[in-house]
């Protein structure tokens, strides 16, 4: 990982010196009405050199929870003590965000379009802008996501367990679960890691919804990572409950169409073959139990009760150490109230 950068830092042709804070609006393709569009990048530079961390949200335009995490992060007085550089991009997919859509107007998924090209498709050009202006100026990254429309996720971190630096960041984020996630062609995470920049992906909540608990965990997690990187002042060490690790996960799908009711909540531990829901017909003449395909922890579920045969119902992560899972989850919940206290200069 190359940590040598020239001074000052240039973003979109704007020079940002140490000790400065500014917002740079990176020009992107205008609307066909010729209305100008821009990707905002909030740049905060400490007076002393240090890591350069990018934090991105709304790569999928309808995943708005990360936008709020970044908004709250930027409002912290604690950032006056920043060492290094914070590059915060609350809305990467500006087009999808304004249209309440996951995708770009060309129907492409931006998170399958990296590293992009200056002369490629609309998605490719937007990806290229983010890579050339933000990622190339970074030493570390955090990408914020949610579940899709009508699906919600347990707060957890996705990372490649083969990437030592990224795994260390994941542990410092302080979530109940770290899920190994294979790299996908065209994803931001794959492209960034190929450039030697460790990155983690925070998953929590659902698209087009705000979840206060998930937001607070996200802000706390980002600040914790920044402290560990030496970007913010260290504080007296507090106990960290070792997160659960999972190397794989799988969705359980509906075997019949009907009305689905889940009898277990997000974060519940389940056993393979355990009935954790039912599918009923509209008039109640049939009731079919839904069995978990795996043993593990429930990390995602559909929010809609009306389902078709084959539709994804709930998502189970298979744990590496299931015997200690219940105790560690209980400990995490007990300490969560402490971690959720407001983050300020002294805490």
Protein backbone atom coordinates (compact mmCIF):
# COMPACT_ATOMS: atom_id res chain seq x y z
CA UNK A 1 0.00 0.00 0.00
CA UNK A 2 1.50 3.31 -1.10
CA UNK A 3 1.21 5.92 1.65
CA UNK A 4 3.41 8.56 0.03
CA UNK A 5 1.39 11.47 -1.33
CA UNK A 6 2.41 14.83 -2.71
CA UNK A 7 1.33 18.05 -1.03
CA UNK A 8 -1.14 19.63 -1.20
CA UNK A 9 -3.91 17.10 -1.78
CA UNK A 10 -5.79 17.68 -5.03
CA UNK A 11 -9.43 16.59 -5.39
CA UNK A 12 -11.16 17.57 -8.60
CA UNK A 13 -8.45 20.13 -9.25
CA UNK A 14 -9.00 21.77 -5.85
CA UNK A 15 -5.96 21.97 -3.59
CA UNK A 16 -6.61 21.10 0.05
CA UNK A 17 -3.76 21.85 2.42
CA UNK A 18 -3.19 20.37 5.87
CA UNK A 19 -5.51 21.83 8.47
CA UNK A 20 -8.20 22.71 5.90
CA UNK A 21 -11.78 21.50 5.55
CA UNK A 22 -13.80 21.91 2.38
CA UNK A 23 -16.41 20.31 0.13
CA UNK A 24 -15.42 19.56 -3.46
CA UNK A 25 -18.18 18.93 -5.98
CA UNK A 26 -16.89 16.57 -8.65
CA UNK A 27 -18.66 17.24 -11.97
CA UNK A 28 -20.46 14.21 -13.43
CA UNK A 29 -22.74 13.76 -16.45
CA UNK A 30 -25.52 16.39 -16.53
CA UNK A 31 -29.15 15.40 -16.83
CA UNK A 32 -30.63 15.39 -20.32
CA UNK A 33 -32.32 18.65 -19.32
CA UNK A 34 -28.71 19.95 -19.07
CA UNK A 35 -29.09 20.45 -15.32
CA UNK A 36 -25.62 20.16 -13.79
CA UNK A 37 -24.84 17.20 -11.53
CA UNK A 38 -21.97 16.69 -9.09
CA UNK A 39 -20.68 14.11 -6.61
CA UNK A 40 -19.92 15.89 -3.30
CA UNK A 41 -16.69 14.96 -1.50
CA UNK A 42 -16.20 16.41 1.97
CA UNK A 43 -12.46 16.68 2.69
CA UNK A 44 -11.09 17.19 6.19
CA UNK A 45 -7.33 17.35 6.62
CA UNK A 46 -5.59 17.32 9.98
CA UNK A 47 -2.57 19.51 10.61
CA UNK A 48 -0.45 16.39 11.03
CA UNK A 49 0.03 13.71 8.41
CA UNK A 50 -1.57 10.29 8.82
CA UNK A 51 -3.78 7.75 7.06
CA UNK A 52 -6.21 8.87 4.39
CA UNK A 53 -9.58 7.21 4.93
CA UNK A 54 -12.46 7.33 2.46
CA UNK A 55 -15.99 6.66 3.64
CA UNK A 56 -18.61 6.12 0.94
CA UNK A 57 -22.36 5.63 0.97
CA UNK A 58 -25.24 5.33 -1.51
CA UNK A 59 -23.26 3.50 -4.17
CA UNK A 60 -26.67 1.91 -4.47
CA UNK A 61 -28.79 5.04 -4.62
CA UNK A 62 -31.62 3.80 -2.39
CA UNK A 63 -29.33 2.76 0.48
CA UNK A 64 -29.70 5.96 2.46
CA UNK A 65 -28.71 4.80 5.95
CA UNK A 66 -25.01 5.36 5.24
CA UNK A 67 -25.76 8.93 4.15
CA UNK A 68 -27.04 9.66 7.65
CA UNK A 69 -24.03 7.94 9.25
CA UNK A 70 -21.69 10.22 7.32
CA UNK A 71 -23.79 13.31 8.11
CA UNK A 72 -23.53 12.60 11.83
CA UNK A 73 -19.84 11.76 11.58
CA UNK A 74 -19.08 15.09 9.90
CA UNK A 75 -20.86 16.92 12.73
CA UNK A 76 -18.60 15.52 15.47
CA UNK A 77 -16.40 18.05 17.28
CA UNK A 78 -13.97 15.19 17.67
CA UNK A 79 -12.83 15.72 14.07
CA UNK A 80 -11.05 18.92 15.15
CA UNK A 81 -8.40 16.55 16.51
CA UNK A 82 -8.07 14.65 13.24
CA UNK A 83 -4.68 13.41 12.16
CA UNK A 84 -4.44 12.51 8.49
CA UNK A 85 -7.27 12.98 6.00
CA UNK A 86 -10.95 12.04 5.88
CA UNK A 87 -12.59 11.82 2.45
CA UNK A 88 -16.34 11.48 3.02
CA UNK A 89 -18.59 10.81 0.03
CA UNK A 90 -22.17 10.54 1.37
CA UNK A 91 -23.81 10.05 -2.03
CA UNK A 92 -21.76 8.30 -4.72
CA UNK A 93 -24.70 7.35 -6.97
CA UNK A 94 -26.27 10.80 -7.09
CA UNK A 95 -28.65 9.82 -9.90
CA UNK A 96 -30.06 6.80 -8.06
CA UNK A 97 -30.29 8.73 -4.79
CA UNK A 98 -32.43 11.48 -6.30
CA UNK A 99 -34.65 8.91 -8.02
CA UNK A 100 -34.90 6.62 -4.92
CA UNK A 101 -33.45 3.87 -7.07
CA UNK A 102 -30.69 1.31 -6.52
CA UNK A 103 -29.48 1.74 -10.09
CA UNK A 104 -28.24 4.41 -12.44
CA UNK A 105 -30.44 5.77 -15.23
CA UNK A 106 -28.75 3.34 -17.65
CA UNK A 107 -30.04 0.50 -15.38
CA UNK A 108 -26.50 -0.56 -14.48
CA UNK A 109 -25.41 -1.46 -10.98
CA UNK A 110 -22.62 0.94 -10.05
CA UNK A 111 -21.13 -1.66 -7.69
CA UNK A 112 -20.47 -3.92 -10.67
CA UNK A 113 -18.89 -1.18 -12.78
CA UNK A 114 -15.52 -0.54 -11.11
CA UNK A 115 -12.81 0.49 -11.87
CA UNK A 116 -14.65 2.16 -14.71
CA UNK A 117 -13.43 4.16 -17.66
CA UNK A 118 -13.42 7.83 -18.61
CA UNK A 119 -14.88 6.90 -22.00
CA UNK A 120 -17.22 4.06 -20.97
CA UNK A 121 -20.88 3.83 -20.04
CA UNK A 122 -22.55 6.24 -17.63
CA UNK A 123 -21.91 3.82 -14.74
CA UNK A 124 -18.33 3.26 -15.87
CA UNK A 125 -17.61 6.98 -16.00
CA UNK A 126 -19.04 7.56 -12.52
CA UNK A 127 -16.97 4.66 -11.16
CA UNK A 128 -13.87 6.07 -12.84
CA UNK A 129 -14.44 9.48 -11.25
CA UNK A 130 -14.70 7.94 -7.78
CA UNK A 131 -11.60 5.80 -8.27
CA UNK A 132 -9.41 8.52 -9.78
CA UNK A 133 -10.39 11.29 -7.38
CA UNK A 134 -11.09 9.49 -4.10
CA UNK A 135 -9.58 6.01 -3.95
CA UNK A 136 -6.23 6.99 -5.44
CA UNK A 137 -5.90 9.54 -2.64
CA UNK A 138 -6.72 7.01 0.12
CA UNK A 139 -4.89 4.47 2.24
CA UNK A 140 -8.02 2.83 3.77
CA UNK A 141 -11.73 2.65 3.02
CA UNK A 142 -15.14 2.01 4.58
CA UNK A 143 -18.14 1.43 2.31
CA UNK A 144 -21.63 1.72 3.85
CA UNK A 145 -24.56 -0.41 2.61
CA UNK A 146 -28.01 -1.68 3.57
CA UNK A 147 -30.26 -4.51 2.51
CA UNK A 148 -32.25 -4.17 -0.70
CA UNK A 149 -35.79 -2.82 -0.93
CA UNK A 150 -38.06 -4.69 1.52
CA UNK A 151 -35.12 -6.61 3.03
CA UNK A 152 -33.39 -5.75 6.27
CA UNK A 153 -29.97 -6.75 7.59
CA UNK A 154 -28.47 -7.28 11.03
CA UNK A 155 -25.63 -4.76 11.55
CA UNK A 156 -22.52 -6.64 10.46
CA UNK A 157 -19.31 -6.21 8.52
CA UNK A 158 -18.44 -7.98 5.28
CA UNK A 159 -14.79 -8.42 4.49
CA UNK A 160 -12.38 -10.85 2.90
CA UNK A 161 -10.95 -12.86 5.80
CA UNK A 162 -7.80 -13.33 3.70
CA UNK A 163 -7.03 -9.59 3.92
CA UNK A 164 -5.24 -9.08 7.25
CA UNK A 165 -5.45 -5.27 7.37
CA UNK A 166 -9.14 -5.26 6.45
CA UNK A 167 -9.88 -7.92 9.08
CA UNK A 168 -8.22 -5.77 11.75
CA UNK A 169 -10.43 -2.86 10.72
CA UNK A 170 -13.47 -5.14 10.86
CA UNK A 171 -12.70 -6.19 14.43
CA UNK A 172 -12.34 -2.56 15.47
CA UNK A 173 -15.74 -1.68 13.96
CA UNK A 174 -17.39 -3.50 16.90
CA UNK A 175 -20.32 -5.30 15.32
CA UNK A 176 -21.70 -8.66 16.45
CA UNK A 177 -20.70 -10.48 13.26
CA UNK A 178 -17.95 -10.45 10.65
CA UNK A 179 -19.00 -12.27 7.48
CA UNK A 180 -16.46 -13.45 4.93
CA UNK A 181 -17.59 -12.18 1.56
CA UNK A 182 -16.01 -13.29 -1.68
CA UNK A 183 -14.89 -10.50 -3.97
CA UNK A 184 -17.16 -9.81 -6.91
CA UNK A 185 -15.99 -8.69 -10.32
CA UNK A 186 -16.62 -5.00 -10.82
CA UNK A 187 -17.31 -4.27 -7.16
CA UNK A 188 -15.72 -1.33 -5.38
CA UNK A 189 -14.34 -3.63 -2.69
CA UNK A 190 -12.55 -5.89 -5.16
CA UNK A 191 -11.10 -3.00 -7.15
CA UNK A 192 -9.92 -1.12 -4.06
CA UNK A 193 -8.26 -4.20 -2.58
CA UNK A 194 -6.48 -4.86 -5.86
CA UNK A 195 -4.91 -1.42 -5.44
CA UNK A 196 -3.63 -2.36 -2.00
CA UNK A 197 -6.18 -0.32 -0.03
CA UNK A 198 -7.82 -2.31 2.80
CA UNK A 199 -11.58 -1.77 2.86
CA UNK A 200 -14.54 -3.10 4.82
CA UNK A 201 -18.22 -3.05 4.02
CA UNK A 202 -20.78 -2.23 6.74
CA UNK A 203 -24.24 -3.76 6.17
CA UNK A 204 -27.26 -2.74 8.26
CA UNK A 205 -30.94 -1.95 7.88
CA UNK A 206 -32.87 -1.76 4.63
CA UNK A 207 -33.09 0.45 1.56
CA UNK A 208 -35.05 3.73 1.77
CA UNK A 209 -35.31 3.45 5.57
CA UNK A 210 -33.41 4.88 8.55
CA UNK A 211 -32.69 2.65 11.54
CA UNK A 212 -31.51 4.57 14.61
CA UNK A 213 -29.71 1.64 16.22
CA UNK A 214 -27.89 0.76 13.00
CA UNK A 215 -26.92 4.41 12.47
CA UNK A 216 -25.43 4.72 15.97
CA UNK A 217 -23.53 1.45 15.60
CA UNK A 218 -22.22 2.72 12.26
CA UNK A 219 -21.01 6.08 13.61
CA UNK A 220 -19.45 4.36 16.62
CA UNK A 221 -17.78 1.81 14.35
CA UNK A 222 -16.24 4.41 12.04
CA UNK A 223 -14.88 6.42 14.97
CA UNK A 224 -13.47 3.25 16.54
CA UNK A 225 -11.65 2.37 13.30
CA UNK A 226 -10.29 5.91 13.03
CA UNK A 227 -8.96 5.74 16.59
CA UNK A 228 -7.27 2.42 15.84
CA UNK A 229 -5.65 3.90 12.72
CA UNK A 230 -4.26 6.79 14.78
CA UNK A 231 -6.47 9.35 13.03
CA UNK A 232 -8.26 10.29 16.27
CA UNK A 233 -6.97 10.40 19.87
CA UNK A 234 -6.76 7.07 21.63
CA UNK A 235 -8.96 6.48 24.65
CA UNK A 236 -8.55 4.06 27.57
CA UNK A 237 -9.17 0.57 26.21
CA UNK A 238 -12.64 -0.85 26.76
CA UNK A 239 -13.53 -4.54 26.54
CA UNK A 240 -14.31 -5.66 23.00
CA UNK A 241 -16.53 -8.69 22.64
CA UNK A 242 -14.92 -10.84 19.98
CA UNK A 243 -17.32 -10.77 17.02
CA UNK A 244 -18.76 -13.96 15.64
CA UNK A 245 -17.10 -15.10 12.42
CA UNK A 246 -18.86 -16.69 9.50
CA UNK A 247 -17.25 -17.87 6.27
CA UNK A 248 -20.48 -18.44 4.37
CA UNK A 249 -24.18 -17.64 4.34
CA UNK A 250 -27.29 -18.67 2.46
CA UNK A 251 -30.87 -17.54 1.89
CA UNK A 252 -33.80 -19.85 2.60
CA UNK A 253 -36.45 -19.58 -0.11
CA UNK A 254 -40.18 -20.09 -0.18
CA UNK A 255 -41.37 -23.53 -1.29
CA UNK A 256 -44.89 -22.20 -1.85
CA UNK A 257 -46.57 -18.87 -2.59
CA UNK A 258 -48.65 -17.27 0.14
CA UNK A 259 -48.45 -15.14 3.27
CA UNK A 260 -45.17 -15.51 5.14
CA UNK A 261 -44.76 -15.01 8.88
CA UNK A 262 -41.34 -15.23 10.51
CA UNK A 263 -41.33 -16.36 14.13
CA UNK A 264 -37.70 -15.44 14.89
CA UNK A 265 -36.10 -12.00 14.89
CA UNK A 266 -32.95 -10.63 13.29
CA UNK A 267 -29.93 -11.77 15.31
CA UNK A 268 -31.57 -15.00 16.49
CA UNK A 269 -29.58 -18.23 16.58
CA UNK A 270 -31.27 -21.05 14.67
CA UNK A 271 -30.67 -24.72 14.01
CA UNK A 272 -30.81 -26.55 10.70
CA UNK A 273 -34.30 -27.96 10.19
CA UNK A 274 -35.82 -25.72 12.86
CA UNK A 275 -39.25 -24.28 11.97
CA UNK A 276 -38.89 -20.49 12.15
CA UNK A 277 -41.85 -19.36 10.08
CA UNK A 278 -44.99 -20.34 8.21
CA UNK A 279 -46.55 -19.74 4.81
CA UNK A 280 -50.34 -19.70 4.74
CA UNK A 281 -52.93 -19.46 1.98
CA UNK A 282 -55.16 -16.36 1.87
CA UNK A 283 -58.18 -18.18 3.28
CA UNK A 284 -56.19 -20.14 5.83
CA UNK A 285 -56.91 -23.55 4.36
CA UNK A 286 -53.21 -24.51 4.40
CA UNK A 287 -50.28 -23.70 6.65
CA UNK A 288 -46.79 -24.79 5.66
CA UNK A 289 -43.88 -24.60 8.11
CA UNK A 290 -40.71 -22.92 6.84
CA UNK A 291 -37.57 -24.69 8.02
CA UNK A 292 -34.11 -23.19 8.28
CA UNK A 293 -31.72 -24.75 5.76
CA UNK A 294 -28.73 -24.04 8.00
CA UNK A 295 -27.56 -23.62 11.58
CA UNK A 296 -26.29 -20.15 12.38
CA UNK A 297 -27.42 -16.59 12.97
CA UNK A 298 -30.30 -14.83 11.22
CA UNK A 299 -28.71 -11.81 9.50
CA UNK A 300 -31.33 -10.81 6.95
CA UNK A 301 -35.02 -11.22 6.18
CA UNK A 302 -37.75 -10.08 3.85
CA UNK A 303 -39.98 -7.32 5.17
CA UNK A 304 -42.92 -8.27 2.94
CA UNK A 305 -45.40 -10.92 4.12
CA UNK A 306 -46.63 -11.71 0.59
CA UNK A 307 -44.22 -14.08 -1.14
CA UNK A 308 -43.96 -16.15 -4.28
CA UNK A 309 -42.53 -19.63 -4.58
CA UNK A 310 -38.75 -19.34 -4.83
CA UNK A 311 -38.59 -15.91 -3.21
CA UNK A 312 -35.83 -15.28 -0.63
CA UNK A 313 -37.25 -15.29 2.91
CA UNK A 314 -34.36 -15.10 5.36
CA UNK A 315 -30.58 -15.13 5.36
CA UNK A 316 -28.52 -17.34 7.69
CA UNK A 317 -24.77 -16.94 8.33
CA UNK A 318 -23.00 -20.18 9.23
CA UNK A 319 -20.85 -19.60 12.30
CA UNK A 320 -17.31 -20.86 12.83
CA UNK A 321 -17.76 -21.20 16.64
CA UNK A 322 -21.47 -21.83 17.23
CA UNK A 323 -20.94 -23.16 20.77
CA UNK A 324 -19.96 -19.71 22.09
CA UNK A 325 -22.39 -17.70 19.97
CA UNK A 326 -25.17 -17.22 22.51
CA UNK A 327 -22.83 -15.99 25.26
CA UNK A 328 -21.01 -13.59 22.94
CA UNK A 329 -24.22 -12.13 21.54
CA UNK A 330 -25.54 -11.58 25.06
CA UNK A 331 -22.31 -9.84 26.07
CA UNK A 332 -22.43 -7.68 22.95
CA UNK A 333 -25.99 -6.53 23.69
CA UNK A 334 -25.08 -5.71 27.30
CA UNK A 335 -22.21 -3.48 26.18
CA UNK A 336 -24.05 -1.93 23.25
CA UNK A 337 -25.75 0.70 25.42
CA UNK A 338 -22.28 1.97 26.40
CA UNK A 339 -21.02 2.04 22.81
CA UNK A 340 -24.12 3.95 21.71
CA UNK A 341 -23.45 6.92 23.98
CA UNK A 342 -22.77 10.14 22.02
CA UNK A 343 -19.26 10.28 20.61
CA UNK A 344 -17.46 13.52 21.62
CA UNK A 345 -14.00 14.78 22.40
CA UNK A 346 -13.75 12.94 25.68
CA UNK A 347 -15.33 9.56 24.91
